């Protein structure tokens, strides 16, 4: 695998309470009620470790820390591991795909 291909894209399911956040709602005008709300990120760490850091407030996104419920590995596991450039691009593509599918998405 080597040092070059150790990056991961990950998806955290967020509590529906995040829909009370004006900024989140504004970024998701096509949200379909009933679909999941998620945070999409990329990391050089294991996604489980990165999720724990979010929840602990360590280099955390506010939505992931406050509303994060659990990882959704069924969405992202097939893509791992990858190079930094591939992970960066996949993070954006995955967020776009999920948003187009009616998900509420935050991608930092």
N, C-alpha and C. Protein backbone atom coordinates (compact mmCIF):
# COMPACT_ATOMS: atom_id res chain seq x y z
N UNK A 1 0.84 -1.19 0.00
CA UNK A 1 0.00 0.00 0.00
C UNK A 1 0.88 1.24 0.00
N UNK A 2 1.85 1.32 0.86
CA UNK A 2 2.75 2.45 0.86
C UNK A 2 2.13 3.70 1.45
N UNK A 3 2.97 4.67 1.67
CA UNK A 3 2.55 5.92 2.30
C UNK A 3 1.66 6.73 1.38
N UNK A 4 1.79 6.56 0.08
CA UNK A 4 1.03 7.38 -0.86
C UNK A 4 -0.45 7.05 -0.90
N UNK A 5 -0.80 5.81 -0.62
CA UNK A 5 -2.20 5.40 -0.70
C UNK A 5 -2.74 5.04 0.67
N UNK A 6 -2.83 6.02 1.53
CA UNK A 6 -3.35 5.75 2.87
C UNK A 6 -4.47 6.73 3.25
N UNK A 7 -5.15 7.25 2.27
CA UNK A 7 -6.23 8.21 2.53
C UNK A 7 -7.59 7.57 2.35
N UNK A 8 -8.55 8.11 3.09
CA UNK A 8 -9.89 7.55 3.14
C UNK A 8 -10.93 8.66 3.03
N UNK A 9 -12.02 8.34 2.37
CA UNK A 9 -13.21 9.17 2.41
C UNK A 9 -14.14 8.48 3.41
N UNK A 10 -14.87 9.26 4.20
CA UNK A 10 -15.77 8.67 5.17
C UNK A 10 -17.07 9.46 5.22
N UNK A 11 -18.12 8.82 5.69
CA UNK A 11 -19.44 9.44 5.79
C UNK A 11 -19.97 9.19 7.19
N UNK A 12 -20.39 10.27 7.84
CA UNK A 12 -20.98 10.19 9.18
C UNK A 12 -22.47 10.53 9.06
N UNK A 13 -23.32 9.66 9.60
CA UNK A 13 -24.74 10.01 9.65
C UNK A 13 -24.94 11.03 10.75
N UNK A 14 -25.71 12.08 10.44
CA UNK A 14 -26.01 13.14 11.38
C UNK A 14 -27.45 13.01 11.87
N UNK A 15 -27.67 13.41 13.09
CA UNK A 15 -29.02 13.47 13.64
C UNK A 15 -29.85 14.43 12.80
N UNK A 16 -31.13 14.14 12.66
CA UNK A 16 -32.05 15.01 11.91
C UNK A 16 -32.15 16.40 12.55
N UNK A 17 -31.73 16.53 13.79
CA UNK A 17 -31.73 17.83 14.45
C UNK A 17 -30.87 18.85 13.72
N UNK A 18 -29.92 18.37 12.90
CA UNK A 18 -29.07 19.27 12.13
C UNK A 18 -29.91 20.11 11.16
N UNK A 19 -31.10 19.62 10.83
CA UNK A 19 -31.99 20.36 9.92
C UNK A 19 -32.52 21.64 10.56
N UNK A 20 -32.33 21.81 11.85
CA UNK A 20 -32.71 23.05 12.53
C UNK A 20 -31.64 24.13 12.36
N UNK A 21 -30.50 23.77 11.81
CA UNK A 21 -29.40 24.71 11.56
C UNK A 21 -29.66 25.40 10.22
N UNK A 22 -29.82 26.71 10.26
CA UNK A 22 -30.12 27.46 9.04
C UNK A 22 -29.08 27.29 7.96
N UNK A 23 -27.81 27.28 8.33
CA UNK A 23 -26.74 27.14 7.34
C UNK A 23 -26.80 25.77 6.65
N UNK A 24 -27.08 24.74 7.43
CA UNK A 24 -27.17 23.40 6.87
C UNK A 24 -28.35 23.32 5.89
N UNK A 25 -29.50 23.83 6.31
CA UNK A 25 -30.69 23.80 5.44
C UNK A 25 -30.45 24.59 4.16
N UNK A 26 -29.80 25.74 4.27
CA UNK A 26 -29.54 26.59 3.10
C UNK A 26 -28.67 25.87 2.06
N UNK A 27 -27.74 25.05 2.53
CA UNK A 27 -26.85 24.32 1.63
C UNK A 27 -27.49 23.07 1.04
N UNK A 28 -28.71 22.75 1.46
CA UNK A 28 -29.38 21.54 1.01
C UNK A 28 -30.82 21.82 0.58
N UNK A 29 -30.99 22.69 -0.42
CA UNK A 29 -32.35 23.05 -0.83
C UNK A 29 -33.12 21.87 -1.43
N UNK A 30 -32.42 20.86 -1.92
CA UNK A 30 -33.08 19.70 -2.52
C UNK A 30 -33.24 18.53 -1.58
N UNK A 31 -33.06 18.78 -0.28
CA UNK A 31 -33.17 17.69 0.69
C UNK A 31 -34.57 17.07 0.62
N UNK A 32 -34.58 15.74 0.58
CA UNK A 32 -35.83 14.98 0.54
C UNK A 32 -36.12 14.48 1.95
N UNK A 33 -37.24 14.94 2.56
CA UNK A 33 -37.56 14.49 3.91
C UNK A 33 -37.54 12.96 4.02
N UNK A 34 -36.91 12.48 5.09
CA UNK A 34 -36.78 11.05 5.30
C UNK A 34 -35.43 10.49 4.90
N UNK A 35 -34.73 11.20 4.00
CA UNK A 35 -33.38 10.76 3.62
C UNK A 35 -32.41 11.11 4.75
N UNK A 36 -31.28 10.41 4.82
CA UNK A 36 -30.30 10.71 5.86
C UNK A 36 -29.65 12.08 5.67
N UNK A 37 -29.17 12.62 6.78
CA UNK A 37 -28.30 13.79 6.76
C UNK A 37 -26.91 13.27 7.10
N UNK A 38 -25.89 13.74 6.36
CA UNK A 38 -24.55 13.19 6.52
C UNK A 38 -23.48 14.27 6.46
N UNK A 39 -22.34 13.92 7.01
CA UNK A 39 -21.11 14.70 6.87
C UNK A 39 -20.17 13.85 6.04
N UNK A 40 -19.57 14.41 5.01
CA UNK A 40 -18.62 13.70 4.17
C UNK A 40 -17.24 14.34 4.36
N UNK A 41 -16.25 13.51 4.66
CA UNK A 41 -14.90 14.02 4.86
C UNK A 41 -13.86 13.10 4.29
N UNK A 42 -12.60 13.53 4.38
CA UNK A 42 -11.47 12.68 3.98
C UNK A 42 -10.41 12.78 5.06
N UNK A 43 -9.61 11.72 5.17
CA UNK A 43 -8.61 11.67 6.22
C UNK A 43 -7.47 10.73 5.86
N UNK A 44 -6.35 10.95 6.49
CA UNK A 44 -5.22 10.03 6.39
C UNK A 44 -5.24 9.02 7.52
N UNK A 45 -6.23 9.14 8.41
CA UNK A 45 -6.40 8.22 9.54
C UNK A 45 -7.44 7.17 9.20
N UNK A 46 -7.51 6.15 10.03
CA UNK A 46 -8.61 5.20 9.92
C UNK A 46 -9.90 5.98 10.18
N UNK A 47 -10.95 5.77 9.38
CA UNK A 47 -12.20 6.51 9.59
C UNK A 47 -12.77 6.40 11.00
N UNK A 48 -12.61 5.24 11.65
CA UNK A 48 -13.10 5.10 13.03
C UNK A 48 -12.37 6.05 13.98
N UNK A 49 -11.06 6.18 13.80
CA UNK A 49 -10.26 7.09 14.63
C UNK A 49 -10.68 8.53 14.34
N UNK A 50 -10.89 8.84 13.06
CA UNK A 50 -11.28 10.21 12.71
C UNK A 50 -12.65 10.56 13.29
N UNK A 51 -13.58 9.62 13.25
CA UNK A 51 -14.90 9.85 13.85
C UNK A 51 -14.76 10.13 15.35
N UNK A 52 -13.95 9.33 16.03
CA UNK A 52 -13.75 9.55 17.47
C UNK A 52 -13.16 10.94 17.74
N UNK A 53 -12.26 11.39 16.88
CA UNK A 53 -11.68 12.73 17.05
C UNK A 53 -12.75 13.81 16.85
N UNK A 54 -13.60 13.64 15.85
CA UNK A 54 -14.69 14.59 15.67
C UNK A 54 -15.52 14.69 16.95
N UNK A 55 -15.93 13.54 17.47
CA UNK A 55 -16.79 13.52 18.65
C UNK A 55 -16.10 14.10 19.88
N UNK A 56 -14.78 13.98 19.95
CA UNK A 56 -14.00 14.52 21.08
C UNK A 56 -13.67 16.00 20.89
N UNK A 57 -14.01 16.55 19.74
CA UNK A 57 -13.73 17.96 19.49
C UNK A 57 -12.31 18.24 19.04
N UNK A 58 -11.61 17.22 18.58
CA UNK A 58 -10.23 17.37 18.11
C UNK A 58 -10.24 17.57 16.61
N UNK A 59 -9.86 18.76 16.15
CA UNK A 59 -9.92 19.11 14.72
C UNK A 59 -11.27 18.71 14.14
N UNK A 60 -12.30 19.09 14.84
CA UNK A 60 -13.63 18.61 14.52
C UNK A 60 -14.45 19.62 13.73
N UNK A 61 -15.31 19.09 12.90
CA UNK A 61 -16.35 19.89 12.28
C UNK A 61 -17.49 20.00 13.29
N UNK A 62 -18.07 21.18 13.42
CA UNK A 62 -19.11 21.40 14.42
C UNK A 62 -20.31 20.47 14.22
N UNK A 63 -20.73 20.28 12.98
CA UNK A 63 -21.88 19.41 12.72
C UNK A 63 -21.55 17.96 13.06
N UNK A 64 -20.36 17.52 12.70
CA UNK A 64 -19.96 16.14 13.00
C UNK A 64 -19.85 15.93 14.50
N UNK A 65 -19.33 16.92 15.22
CA UNK A 65 -19.20 16.78 16.66
C UNK A 65 -20.55 16.80 17.36
N UNK A 66 -21.38 17.77 17.01
CA UNK A 66 -22.64 17.95 17.72
C UNK A 66 -23.72 16.96 17.30
N UNK A 67 -23.78 16.61 16.00
CA UNK A 67 -24.88 15.81 15.48
C UNK A 67 -24.47 14.42 14.98
N UNK A 68 -23.17 14.12 14.98
CA UNK A 68 -22.70 12.84 14.45
C UNK A 68 -23.21 11.66 15.25
N UNK A 69 -23.78 10.69 14.55
CA UNK A 69 -24.32 9.49 15.20
C UNK A 69 -23.38 8.30 15.05
N UNK A 70 -22.99 8.02 13.81
CA UNK A 70 -22.13 6.87 13.52
C UNK A 70 -21.66 6.96 12.07
N UNK A 71 -20.65 6.16 11.77
CA UNK A 71 -20.16 6.07 10.39
C UNK A 71 -21.12 5.25 9.54
N UNK A 72 -21.11 5.52 8.24
CA UNK A 72 -21.89 4.74 7.28
C UNK A 72 -20.93 4.07 6.29
N UNK A 73 -20.19 3.05 6.75
CA UNK A 73 -19.17 2.43 5.90
C UNK A 73 -19.70 1.81 4.62
N UNK A 74 -20.99 1.42 4.60
CA UNK A 74 -21.54 0.83 3.39
C UNK A 74 -21.50 1.81 2.21
N UNK A 75 -21.39 3.09 2.49
CA UNK A 75 -21.34 4.10 1.43
C UNK A 75 -19.92 4.29 0.90
N UNK A 76 -18.90 4.12 1.75
CA UNK A 76 -17.55 4.51 1.35
C UNK A 76 -16.49 3.41 1.34
N UNK A 77 -16.74 2.27 1.94
CA UNK A 77 -15.70 1.23 2.09
C UNK A 77 -15.08 0.77 0.76
N UNK A 78 -15.84 0.75 -0.30
CA UNK A 78 -15.34 0.23 -1.58
C UNK A 78 -14.22 1.08 -2.17
N UNK A 79 -14.05 2.29 -1.69
CA UNK A 79 -13.08 3.21 -2.30
C UNK A 79 -11.71 3.20 -1.64
N UNK A 80 -11.47 2.37 -0.63
CA UNK A 80 -10.26 2.50 0.17
C UNK A 80 -9.20 1.48 -0.12
N UNK A 81 -7.95 1.81 0.22
CA UNK A 81 -7.39 3.14 0.44
C UNK A 81 -7.07 3.81 -0.90
N UNK A 82 -6.70 5.07 -0.86
CA UNK A 82 -6.42 5.79 -2.10
C UNK A 82 -5.39 6.88 -1.86
N UNK A 83 -4.93 7.49 -2.94
CA UNK A 83 -3.98 8.58 -2.83
C UNK A 83 -4.68 9.83 -2.31
N UNK A 84 -3.89 10.80 -1.88
CA UNK A 84 -4.45 12.06 -1.38
C UNK A 84 -5.33 12.72 -2.45
N UNK A 85 -4.81 12.81 -3.67
CA UNK A 85 -5.56 13.47 -4.75
C UNK A 85 -6.86 12.73 -5.05
N UNK A 86 -6.81 11.41 -5.06
CA UNK A 86 -8.02 10.63 -5.33
C UNK A 86 -9.04 10.82 -4.21
N UNK A 87 -8.58 10.84 -2.97
CA UNK A 87 -9.49 11.02 -1.83
C UNK A 87 -10.10 12.42 -1.86
N UNK A 88 -9.29 13.42 -2.17
CA UNK A 88 -9.80 14.79 -2.24
C UNK A 88 -10.91 14.89 -3.29
N UNK A 89 -10.68 14.30 -4.45
CA UNK A 89 -11.68 14.34 -5.51
C UNK A 89 -12.91 13.51 -5.16
N UNK A 90 -12.69 12.34 -4.57
CA UNK A 90 -13.80 11.45 -4.21
C UNK A 90 -14.69 12.09 -3.15
N UNK A 91 -14.09 12.82 -2.21
CA UNK A 91 -14.88 13.50 -1.18
C UNK A 91 -15.90 14.44 -1.82
N UNK A 92 -15.46 15.21 -2.78
CA UNK A 92 -16.35 16.16 -3.46
C UNK A 92 -17.39 15.42 -4.30
N UNK A 93 -16.95 14.42 -5.06
CA UNK A 93 -17.88 13.67 -5.91
C UNK A 93 -18.94 12.94 -5.10
N UNK A 94 -18.53 12.33 -3.99
CA UNK A 94 -19.47 11.60 -3.15
C UNK A 94 -20.49 12.56 -2.53
N UNK A 95 -20.03 13.71 -2.06
CA UNK A 95 -20.95 14.70 -1.49
C UNK A 95 -21.96 15.16 -2.53
N UNK A 96 -21.50 15.41 -3.73
CA UNK A 96 -22.41 15.83 -4.82
C UNK A 96 -23.41 14.73 -5.11
N UNK A 97 -22.94 13.49 -5.25
CA UNK A 97 -23.84 12.36 -5.55
C UNK A 97 -24.91 12.18 -4.46
N UNK A 98 -24.50 12.26 -3.22
CA UNK A 98 -25.46 12.10 -2.12
C UNK A 98 -26.47 13.24 -2.10
N UNK A 99 -25.99 14.46 -2.30
CA UNK A 99 -26.90 15.61 -2.33
C UNK A 99 -27.90 15.48 -3.47
N UNK A 100 -27.41 15.05 -4.64
CA UNK A 100 -28.30 14.84 -5.79
C UNK A 100 -29.31 13.73 -5.52
N UNK A 101 -28.97 12.80 -4.62
CA UNK A 101 -29.87 11.73 -4.24
C UNK A 101 -30.85 12.12 -3.14
N UNK A 102 -30.86 13.40 -2.76
CA UNK A 102 -31.82 13.89 -1.78
C UNK A 102 -31.31 13.90 -0.35
N UNK A 103 -30.07 13.47 -0.12
CA UNK A 103 -29.50 13.51 1.21
C UNK A 103 -29.25 14.96 1.64
N UNK A 104 -29.25 15.20 2.94
CA UNK A 104 -28.74 16.45 3.49
C UNK A 104 -27.26 16.25 3.71
N UNK A 105 -26.41 17.08 3.10
CA UNK A 105 -24.97 16.84 3.11
C UNK A 105 -24.20 18.08 3.59
N UNK A 106 -23.24 17.83 4.47
CA UNK A 106 -22.26 18.85 4.81
C UNK A 106 -20.89 18.29 4.45
N UNK A 107 -20.16 19.05 3.68
CA UNK A 107 -18.82 18.63 3.25
C UNK A 107 -17.93 19.85 3.40
N UNK A 108 -16.94 19.74 4.31
CA UNK A 108 -16.11 20.89 4.63
C UNK A 108 -14.94 21.05 3.69
